[in-house]
């Protein structure tokens, strides 16, 4: 069992920035990609971004150019930097690695 821990969520105004993180114990040795998903209340879960074990990244069209995913191998942590946040970005953000899911961190965008 691998316990993923997300953190860094909070409330920001439209146009603001926030960085959330996902710590995956033993991530580097597991050689897994880490994916970010988000789910707003009453809506389906949507894929947001992926960072491979080799560092390749990919983004959903809705966040491309605004979000940046990165990883710190020394800390077994993946970060999702979110800039120019919009109302529609508000959701619970979840990370998944090696089929294990975290509990999520809430991002609220409000004026």
C-alpha atoms as a PDB file:
ATOM      1  CA  UNK A   1       0.000   0.000   0.000  1.00  0.00           C
ATOM      2  CA  UNK A   2       1.322   3.406  -0.990  1.00  0.00           C
ATOM      3  CA  UNK A   3      -0.132   6.487   0.642  1.00  0.00           C
ATOM      4  CA  UNK A   4      -0.072   9.561  -1.530  1.00  0.00           C
ATOM      5  CA  UNK A   5      -0.391  12.890   0.220  1.00  0.00           C
ATOM      6  CA  UNK A   6      -1.571  15.996  -1.576  1.00  0.00           C
ATOM      7  CA  UNK A   7      -1.219  19.449  -0.077  1.00  0.00           C
ATOM      8  CA  UNK A   8      -1.190  23.115  -0.938  1.00  0.00           C
ATOM      9  CA  UNK A   9      -4.798  23.654  -1.835  1.00  0.00           C
ATOM     10  CA  UNK A  10      -6.596  26.807  -0.849  1.00  0.00           C
ATOM     11  CA  UNK A  11      -8.635  29.724  -2.034  1.00  0.00           C
ATOM     12  CA  UNK A  12      -7.456  32.236  -4.612  1.00  0.00           C
ATOM     13  CA  UNK A  13      -8.971  34.985  -6.689  1.00  0.00           C
ATOM     14  CA  UNK A  14      -9.340  34.657 -10.444  1.00  0.00           C
ATOM     15  CA  UNK A  15      -6.007  35.338 -12.085  1.00  0.00           C
ATOM     16  CA  UNK A  16      -4.140  34.163  -9.022  1.00  0.00           C
ATOM     17  CA  UNK A  17      -1.638  31.364  -8.622  1.00  0.00           C
ATOM     18  CA  UNK A  18      -1.350  28.297  -6.450  1.00  0.00           C
ATOM     19  CA  UNK A  19       1.039  25.383  -6.254  1.00  0.00           C
ATOM     20  CA  UNK A  20      -0.150  22.026  -5.013  1.00  0.00           C
ATOM     21  CA  UNK A  21       1.998  19.019  -4.305  1.00  0.00           C
ATOM     22  CA  UNK A  22       1.759  15.251  -4.218  1.00  0.00           C
ATOM     23  CA  UNK A  23       4.207  13.250  -2.148  1.00  0.00           C
ATOM     24  CA  UNK A  24       4.601   9.635  -3.182  1.00  0.00           C
ATOM     25  CA  UNK A  25       6.797   7.574  -0.838  1.00  0.00           C
ATOM     26  CA  UNK A  26       9.428   5.787  -2.884  1.00  0.00           C
ATOM     27  CA  UNK A  27       8.314   7.468  -6.098  1.00  0.00           C
ATOM     28  CA  UNK A  28      11.738   7.486  -7.700  1.00  0.00           C
ATOM     29  CA  UNK A  29      12.309   3.784  -7.112  1.00  0.00           C
ATOM     30  CA  UNK A  30       8.821   2.915  -8.342  1.00  0.00           C
ATOM     31  CA  UNK A  31       9.456   4.397 -11.763  1.00  0.00           C
ATOM     32  CA  UNK A  32       5.836   5.486 -12.124  1.00  0.00           C
ATOM     33  CA  UNK A  33       4.249   8.374 -13.902  1.00  0.00           C
ATOM     34  CA  UNK A  34       2.213  10.714 -11.738  1.00  0.00           C
ATOM     35  CA  UNK A  35      -1.079  12.040 -13.001  1.00  0.00           C
ATOM     36  CA  UNK A  36      -3.200  14.886 -11.744  1.00  0.00           C
ATOM     37  CA  UNK A  37      -6.972  14.784 -12.015  1.00  0.00           C
ATOM     38  CA  UNK A  38      -9.611  17.184 -10.795  1.00  0.00           C
ATOM     39  CA  UNK A  39     -13.234  16.824  -9.927  1.00  0.00           C
ATOM     40  CA  UNK A  40     -15.652  19.643  -9.309  1.00  0.00           C
ATOM     41  CA  UNK A  41     -18.772  19.043  -7.268  1.00  0.00           C
ATOM     42  CA  UNK A  42     -21.351  17.176  -9.309  1.00  0.00           C
ATOM     43  CA  UNK A  43     -19.062  16.756 -12.296  1.00  0.00           C
ATOM     44  CA  UNK A  44     -16.953  13.979 -13.725  1.00  0.00           C
ATOM     45  CA  UNK A  45     -13.328  13.525 -12.864  1.00  0.00           C
ATOM     46  CA  UNK A  46     -11.104  15.051 -15.543  1.00  0.00           C
ATOM     47  CA  UNK A  47      -7.468  14.429 -16.310  1.00  0.00           C
ATOM     48  CA  UNK A  48      -5.292  17.517 -15.897  1.00  0.00           C
ATOM     49  CA  UNK A  49      -1.648  16.612 -16.328  1.00  0.00           C
ATOM     50  CA  UNK A  50       0.924  13.845 -16.401  1.00  0.00           C
ATOM     51  CA  UNK A  51       4.603  13.726 -15.632  1.00  0.00           C
ATOM     52  CA  UNK A  52       6.407  10.556 -16.586  1.00  0.00           C
ATOM     53  CA  UNK A  53       9.186   8.896 -14.639  1.00  0.00           C
ATOM     54  CA  UNK A  54      11.548  10.380 -17.196  1.00  0.00           C
ATOM     55  CA  UNK A  55      10.175  13.872 -16.742  1.00  0.00           C
ATOM     56  CA  UNK A  56       8.049  14.164 -19.865  1.00  0.00           C
ATOM     57  CA  UNK A  57       4.931  16.218 -19.316  1.00  0.00           C
ATOM     58  CA  UNK A  58       1.504  16.498 -20.855  1.00  0.00           C
ATOM     59  CA  UNK A  59      -1.480  18.716 -20.177  1.00  0.00           C
ATOM     60  CA  UNK A  60      -5.163  18.933 -20.864  1.00  0.00           C
ATOM     61  CA  UNK A  61      -5.994  21.649 -23.372  1.00  0.00           C
ATOM     62  CA  UNK A  62      -7.945  23.528 -20.720  1.00  0.00           C
ATOM     63  CA  UNK A  63      -4.827  24.138 -18.615  1.00  0.00           C
ATOM     64  CA  UNK A  64      -2.075  24.167 -21.221  1.00  0.00           C
ATOM     65  CA  UNK A  65       0.023  27.294 -20.923  1.00  0.00           C
ATOM     66  CA  UNK A  66      -1.238  28.019 -17.402  1.00  0.00           C
ATOM     67  CA  UNK A  67      -0.284  24.918 -15.401  1.00  0.00           C
ATOM     68  CA  UNK A  68       3.171  23.424 -15.010  1.00  0.00           C
ATOM     69  CA  UNK A  69       3.917  20.012 -13.532  1.00  0.00           C
ATOM     70  CA  UNK A  70       7.333  19.186 -12.122  1.00  0.00           C
ATOM     71  CA  UNK A  71       8.943  16.670  -9.809  1.00  0.00           C
ATOM     72  CA  UNK A  72      11.579  16.741  -7.112  1.00  0.00           C
ATOM     73  CA  UNK A  73      13.073  13.278  -7.026  1.00  0.00           C
ATOM     74  CA  UNK A  74      14.936  13.941  -3.804  1.00  0.00           C
ATOM     75  CA  UNK A  75      11.632  14.658  -2.064  1.00  0.00           C
ATOM     76  CA  UNK A  76       9.522  12.066  -3.922  1.00  0.00           C
ATOM     77  CA  UNK A  77       7.195  14.928  -4.667  1.00  0.00           C
ATOM     78  CA  UNK A  78       5.393  16.182  -7.728  1.00  0.00           C
ATOM     79  CA  UNK A  79       4.196  19.760  -7.974  1.00  0.00           C
ATOM     80  CA  UNK A  80       1.445  21.344 -10.011  1.00  0.00           C
ATOM     81  CA  UNK A  81       1.948  25.065 -10.393  1.00  0.00           C
ATOM     82  CA  UNK A  82      -1.271  26.745 -11.437  1.00  0.00           C
ATOM     83  CA  UNK A  83      -1.232  30.275 -12.822  1.00  0.00           C
ATOM     84  CA  UNK A  84      -3.967  32.560 -14.077  1.00  0.00           C
ATOM     85  CA  UNK A  85      -6.577  30.495 -12.279  1.00  0.00           C
ATOM     86  CA  UNK A  86     -10.134  30.680 -13.529  1.00  0.00           C
ATOM     87  CA  UNK A  87     -13.448  29.961 -11.849  1.00  0.00           C
ATOM     88  CA  UNK A  88     -13.662  26.729 -13.814  1.00  0.00           C
ATOM     89  CA  UNK A  89     -10.399  25.507 -12.272  1.00  0.00           C
ATOM     90  CA  UNK A  90     -12.049  25.173  -8.872  1.00  0.00           C
ATOM     91  CA  UNK A  91     -12.153  21.496  -7.932  1.00  0.00           C
ATOM     92  CA  UNK A  92     -10.735  18.775  -5.776  1.00  0.00           C
ATOM     93  CA  UNK A  93      -7.343  17.941  -7.221  1.00  0.00           C
ATOM     94  CA  UNK A  94      -6.133  14.367  -6.909  1.00  0.00           C
ATOM     95  CA  UNK A  95      -2.887  12.701  -7.826  1.00  0.00           C
ATOM     96  CA  UNK A  96      -2.400   9.099  -8.819  1.00  0.00           C
ATOM     97  CA  UNK A  97       0.765   7.045  -9.137  1.00  0.00           C
ATOM     98  CA  UNK A  98       1.213   3.325  -9.686  1.00  0.00           C
ATOM     99  CA  UNK A  99      -2.588   2.918  -9.427  1.00  0.00           C
ATOM    100  CA  UNK A 100      -2.634   4.508  -5.959  1.00  0.00           C
ATOM    101  CA  UNK A 101      -4.756   7.608  -5.402  1.00  0.00           C
ATOM    102  CA  UNK A 102      -4.363  10.390  -2.904  1.00  0.00           C
ATOM    103  CA  UNK A 103      -7.181  11.932  -0.896  1.00  0.00           C
ATOM    104  CA  UNK A 104      -7.122  15.174  -2.813  1.00  0.00           C
ATOM    105  CA  UNK A 105      -6.613  18.831  -2.068  1.00  0.00           C
ATOM    106  CA  UNK A 106      -9.303  21.440  -2.605  1.00  0.00           C
ATOM    107  CA  UNK A 107      -8.749  24.434  -4.849  1.00  0.00           C
ATOM    108  CA  UNK A 108     -11.288  27.233  -4.650  1.00  0.00           C
ATOM    109  CA  UNK A 109     -11.376  30.173  -7.048  1.00  0.00           C
ATOM    110  CA  UNK A 110     -13.587  33.013  -5.951  1.00  0.00           C
ATOM    111  CA  UNK A 111     -13.687  36.771  -5.993  1.00  0.00           C
END
